[in-house]
Structures are given as C-alpha cells and as structure tokens.
Amino acid sequence: MKVTYIHHSCFLVETDRLYYLFDYEKGRLPEMEVTKPIIVLSSHGHADHYNPEVFSMLAALGMQHIRAILSEDIEVPVNINSLHVSPGKKYDLGPRQKLTTFQSTDLGVAFLIEDQNTLIYHAGDLNDWVWEEESDSYNEQMTVNYRKQMDLLAKELNHRKVDVAFVVLDPRQEKDYDRGLCYFLEHIFVKQVYPMHYWENSAIIETFLEDHPEYTFQIHRME
C-alpha cells in the first residue's frame, strides 16, 4: 500500500487492486495507472473537503474507471458511477471490499474501508471539536459525541488493527489541538496515523510529538 499526501485532508491510497482518493479539495495529483480503478470518497460537502472538479481532472488524466462514494449532503455528479452514503451504515463495495460509515461531529461521515486484509480509516471532520469560545455544555457534549463514535469504531474493529488512519490535528483548537487524536490513539489499535486538517501548519505534528513522544513510531511526519 502506498500513501500520497495531496493537500489538507486529501490523500491518495494505492493498493494492489485500485486507488482511493479521500476528500479532494485542491492540489496536484500524481501520475497513476490509467487502467486501475479509482474510488473518490468525499466525507462531506464543505469546500475544504470536496471539489466537484476532481472528476474532470481524473478524466483528463486518462483514468478509465472512476467511481464516487459521497456523503449524502453532496449532489451526485452527472455521468459518474456514484454511491450516496449516510452515517452508521455498512456497504458492500465489491469482493472482499467493505465500507462502514460513522457520524461526523461536524457534517457528513467518517470512513472505515476494509479492502481484503487492509483497514483504512479517514475521519473527515469527525473530531473532538472543543473550542475555548464555546460554552462548557457545548464542549462537554462534543466530547461525548466524539467518544461515542470512537467507541463504535473500536467495536467494529473488534481488536483488529487499522493499517493506516487519517485523523484531524487542527492547530486552531489551540490548547485542545490534540484532544481528538490522543483519544483515537488511546482507544484504537493502529499501525500508522497521518495527521490532517492542519491548514498547512505541519509544524503542529512536531508539536504533537514533543508533547506525546510515546506515539513517535505511529505518527507519520509530513515531508
């Protein structure tokens, strides 16, 4: 499996069988095998997670087999093989290929893909969005909602280890920037985590590792 960071929350994952492109907003796509299928997944319709031009871009690159898996708040594009998904559902995508969705704490869904023996998790905007300017009751409910989804993820995994996870690490949360990622790492078995949604401030990853050196070998440092 090969992982390529594109921009913000967008990653391209290549397996033996196909490509997964998560939450494309903008950025240069790498050269790809045009005959290998690609699945475009968008967790929700916010502009930093979905750009409908991605389909014409892929077509211009010559990709021959394009499929879309979109949160139900996104309008299905014309002439694209598309699947609308909603939170808390399971979908059979093909032979030994399954998708489980989770309720975002903002909008849309988070994705857990099982592709043969590989597990891929993309959080979308599922995070513990605690903010200093919000009320205590808001922040407390946010944490409850986030942890409920993490507990559901852990139950779905049933002690299996996620191979690669893309998880929010947002510096705008200031002192609470690490809440969501820490809880994820404490409760989910995972081989490697790619922090995302850091608004081009990749230094926040080094800050996280300075604050939590115990996770050094699980956190991928952006180049």
Protein backbone atom coordinates (compact mmCIF):
# COMPACT_ATOMS: atom_id res chain seq x y z
CA MET A 1 0.00 0.00 0.00
CA LYS A 2 1.27 3.46 -0.97
CA VAL A 3 0.02 6.71 0.60
CA THR A 4 0.46 10.11 -1.07
CA TYR A 5 -0.43 13.36 0.70
CA ILE A 6 -2.17 15.80 -1.65
CA HIS A 7 -3.44 18.74 0.44
CA HIS A 8 -5.23 19.45 3.74
CA SER A 9 -7.34 16.30 4.31
CA CYS A 10 -6.74 14.75 0.90
CA PHE A 11 -4.73 11.58 0.49
CA LEU A 12 -4.32 9.09 -2.33
CA VAL A 13 -4.05 5.47 -1.20
CA GLU A 14 -2.93 2.88 -3.72
CA THR A 15 -3.49 -0.83 -3.13
CA ASP A 16 -2.75 -3.76 -5.39
CA ARG A 17 -6.22 -3.51 -6.89
CA LEU A 18 -7.18 0.16 -7.00
CA TYR A 19 -6.81 3.75 -5.79
CA TYR A 20 -8.74 5.54 -3.04
CA LEU A 21 -8.77 9.34 -3.19
CA PHE A 22 -10.09 10.92 0.01
CA ASP A 23 -11.56 14.43 0.42
CA TYR A 24 -10.01 16.13 -2.59
CA GLU A 25 -10.03 19.93 -2.33
CA LYS A 26 -7.10 21.02 -4.48
CA GLY A 27 -3.56 20.02 -5.27
CA ARG A 28 -1.58 18.18 -7.90
CA LEU A 29 -2.46 14.54 -8.41
CA PRO A 30 0.43 12.16 -9.07
CA GLU A 31 0.79 10.05 -12.17
CA MET A 32 -1.39 6.96 -11.91
CA GLU A 33 -2.04 3.76 -13.82
CA VAL A 34 -4.98 4.77 -16.00
CA THR A 35 -6.43 1.25 -16.17
CA LYS A 36 -6.50 0.82 -12.39
CA PRO A 37 -9.89 1.77 -10.87
CA ILE A 38 -10.10 4.81 -8.62
CA ILE A 39 -12.70 5.50 -5.95
CA VAL A 40 -13.21 9.14 -5.00
CA LEU A 41 -14.50 9.45 -1.43
CA SER A 42 -15.80 12.72 0.00
CA SER A 43 -16.82 12.81 3.65
CA HIS A 44 -18.99 15.93 3.28
CA GLY A 45 -19.60 18.94 1.09
CA HIS A 46 -17.52 21.64 2.84
CA ALA A 47 -15.25 23.33 0.33
CA ASP A 48 -12.09 22.15 2.08
CA HIS A 49 -13.21 18.51 1.68
CA TYR A 50 -14.96 18.34 -1.69
CA ASN A 51 -14.28 19.79 -5.10
CA PRO A 52 -16.55 18.52 -7.90
CA GLU A 53 -13.85 19.34 -10.45
CA VAL A 54 -11.93 16.28 -9.27
CA PHE A 55 -13.87 14.10 -11.70
CA SER A 56 -12.97 16.14 -14.77
CA MET A 57 -9.37 16.26 -13.55
CA LEU A 58 -9.24 12.47 -13.30
CA ALA A 59 -10.83 12.12 -16.71
CA ALA A 60 -8.22 14.49 -18.14
CA LEU A 61 -5.51 12.28 -16.65
CA GLY A 62 -7.00 9.39 -18.61
CA MET A 63 -8.39 7.41 -15.69
CA GLN A 64 -10.73 4.84 -17.21
CA HIS A 65 -12.64 3.57 -14.18
CA ILE A 66 -13.85 6.30 -11.81
CA ARG A 67 -16.32 5.69 -9.00
CA ALA A 68 -17.58 8.13 -6.35
CA ILE A 69 -18.60 7.47 -2.75
CA LEU A 70 -20.14 10.66 -1.41
CA SER A 71 -21.77 11.76 1.81
CA GLU A 72 -25.49 12.22 1.32
CA ASP A 73 -25.21 16.03 1.61
CA ILE A 74 -23.24 16.14 -1.68
CA GLU A 75 -25.05 16.31 -5.01
CA VAL A 76 -24.31 13.29 -7.16
CA PRO A 77 -22.24 14.31 -10.21
CA VAL A 78 -23.58 13.64 -13.69
CA ASN A 79 -22.22 10.62 -15.57
CA ILE A 80 -20.23 9.28 -12.62
CA ASN A 81 -20.86 5.89 -11.05
CA SER A 82 -21.81 7.17 -7.58
CA LEU A 83 -22.92 5.86 -4.22
CA HIS A 84 -24.52 8.13 -1.64
CA VAL A 85 -23.69 7.09 1.94
CA SER A 86 -25.15 8.08 5.30
CA PRO A 87 -23.75 7.73 8.84
CA GLY A 88 -23.82 4.48 10.76
CA LYS A 89 -24.21 2.20 7.74
CA LYS A 90 -22.35 -0.72 6.14
CA TYR A 91 -21.86 -1.11 2.40
CA ASP A 92 -20.51 -3.94 0.25
CA LEU A 93 -18.31 -2.34 -2.39
CA GLY A 94 -17.12 -5.48 -4.14
CA PRO A 95 -15.34 -8.78 -3.49
CA ARG A 96 -13.69 -8.57 -0.05
CA GLN A 97 -14.26 -4.83 -0.03
CA LYS A 98 -16.50 -3.21 2.60
CA LEU A 99 -17.25 0.27 3.89
CA THR A 100 -18.52 1.29 7.32
CA THR A 101 -19.51 4.91 7.97
CA PHE A 102 -19.57 6.87 11.21
CA GLN A 103 -21.39 10.06 12.20
CA SER A 104 -19.23 13.15 11.95
CA THR A 105 -19.24 15.64 14.83
CA ASP A 106 -19.49 18.35 12.18
CA LEU A 107 -21.03 17.32 8.86
CA GLY A 108 -21.15 14.07 6.93
CA VAL A 109 -19.34 10.86 7.70
CA ALA A 110 -16.06 9.19 8.55
CA PHE A 111 -14.95 6.16 6.51
CA LEU A 112 -13.63 2.75 7.52
CA ILE A 113 -12.66 0.68 4.48
CA GLU A 114 -11.84 -3.00 4.61
CA ASP A 115 -10.05 -3.98 1.42
CA GLN A 116 -9.11 -7.65 1.58
CA ASN A 117 -6.96 -7.71 4.73
CA THR A 118 -6.23 -3.97 4.77
CA LEU A 119 -8.07 -1.49 7.01
CA ILE A 120 -8.12 2.22 6.11
CA TYR A 121 -9.76 4.92 8.26
CA HIS A 122 -10.42 8.51 7.18
CA ALA A 123 -12.00 10.78 9.78
CA GLY A 124 -13.35 13.52 7.54
CA ASP A 125 -14.41 16.12 10.11
CA LEU A 126 -15.06 13.59 12.89
CA ASN A 127 -13.09 15.14 15.75
CA ASP A 128 -13.41 16.36 19.31
CA TRP A 129 -14.11 19.96 18.28
CA VAL A 130 -13.64 21.68 21.63
CA TRP A 131 -13.19 25.47 21.41
CA GLU A 132 -12.35 27.99 24.12
CA GLU A 133 -15.04 30.39 22.89
CA GLU A 134 -17.80 27.78 23.20
CA SER A 135 -19.80 27.08 26.34
CA ASP A 136 -18.88 24.29 28.73
CA SER A 137 -22.09 22.46 27.86
CA TYR A 138 -21.30 22.62 24.13
CA ASN A 139 -17.76 21.33 24.64
CA GLU A 140 -18.85 18.58 27.01
CA GLN A 141 -21.47 17.35 24.54
CA MET A 142 -18.94 17.49 21.71
CA THR A 143 -16.58 15.24 23.65
CA VAL A 144 -19.41 12.83 24.45
CA ASN A 145 -20.40 12.67 20.78
CA TYR A 146 -16.85 12.13 19.58
CA ARG A 147 -16.06 9.43 22.08
CA LYS A 148 -19.28 7.62 21.24
CA GLN A 149 -18.17 7.37 17.61
CA MET A 150 -14.70 6.19 18.64
CA ASP A 151 -16.29 3.52 20.80
CA LEU A 152 -18.38 2.41 17.81
CA LEU A 153 -15.24 2.31 15.68
CA ALA A 154 -13.44 0.20 18.29
CA LYS A 155 -16.41 -2.16 18.45
CA GLU A 156 -16.48 -2.50 14.66
CA LEU A 157 -12.76 -3.25 14.58
CA ASN A 158 -13.09 -5.86 17.34
CA HIS A 159 -9.38 -5.68 18.26
CA ARG A 160 -8.23 -5.62 14.64
CA LYS A 161 -5.51 -3.11 13.85
CA VAL A 162 -6.08 -0.27 11.36
CA ASP A 163 -3.27 -0.21 8.82
CA VAL A 164 -3.44 3.50 8.07
CA ALA A 165 -5.59 6.23 9.60
CA PHE A 166 -6.07 9.86 8.59
CA VAL A 167 -7.04 11.83 11.70
CA VAL A 168 -7.68 15.52 12.44
CA LEU A 169 -4.95 17.57 14.14
CA ASP A 170 -6.13 21.18 13.95
CA PRO A 171 -3.94 23.97 15.40
CA ARG A 172 -6.93 26.34 15.56
CA GLN A 173 -8.05 24.48 18.68
CA GLU A 174 -5.02 25.89 20.49
CA LYS A 175 -4.51 24.08 23.82
CA ASP A 176 -7.11 21.47 22.85
CA TYR A 177 -5.48 20.71 19.48
CA ASP A 178 -4.57 17.15 20.48
CA ARG A 179 -7.78 16.00 22.16
CA GLY A 180 -9.23 14.05 19.26
CA LEU A 181 -6.00 12.42 18.12
CA CYS A 182 -4.97 11.43 21.66
CA TYR A 183 -8.30 9.74 22.32
CA PHE A 184 -8.07 7.97 18.97
CA LEU A 185 -4.58 6.64 19.73
CA GLU A 186 -5.57 5.59 23.24
CA HIS A 187 -8.58 3.56 22.08
CA ILE A 188 -7.92 2.37 18.52
CA PHE A 189 -5.27 -0.15 17.51
CA VAL A 190 -3.46 1.46 14.57
CA LYS A 191 -0.18 0.93 12.76
CA GLN A 192 0.29 4.40 11.26
CA VAL A 193 -1.52 7.72 11.57
CA TYR A 194 -1.32 10.58 9.10
CA PRO A 195 -2.39 13.82 10.81
CA MET A 196 -4.50 16.06 8.59
CA HIS A 197 -6.65 19.20 8.54
CA TYR A 198 -3.77 21.28 9.92
CA TRP A 199 -4.20 24.16 7.44
CA GLU A 200 -0.65 23.91 6.01
CA ASN A 201 0.80 24.29 9.52
CA SER A 202 2.62 20.95 9.50
CA ALA A 203 4.74 22.10 12.46
CA ILE A 204 1.79 21.07 14.64
CA ILE A 205 2.82 17.45 14.03
CA GLU A 206 6.22 18.05 15.63
CA THR A 207 4.49 19.87 18.47
CA PHE A 208 2.28 16.85 19.00
CA LEU A 209 5.28 14.51 19.06
CA GLU A 210 7.10 16.74 21.53
CA ASP A 211 4.02 16.65 23.76
CA HIS A 212 3.42 12.92 23.20
CA PRO A 213 6.71 11.19 22.33
CA GLU A 214 5.16 7.81 23.10
CA TYR A 215 3.48 7.97 19.69
CA THR A 216 6.63 8.71 17.69
CA PHE A 217 6.58 5.46 15.75
CA GLN A 218 2.88 5.66 14.88
CA ILE A 219 2.69 9.25 13.64
CA HIS A 220 3.76 9.97 10.08
CA ARG A 221 5.79 13.15 9.71
CA MET A 222 4.80 15.18 6.67
CA GLU A 223 7.57 15.97 4.22
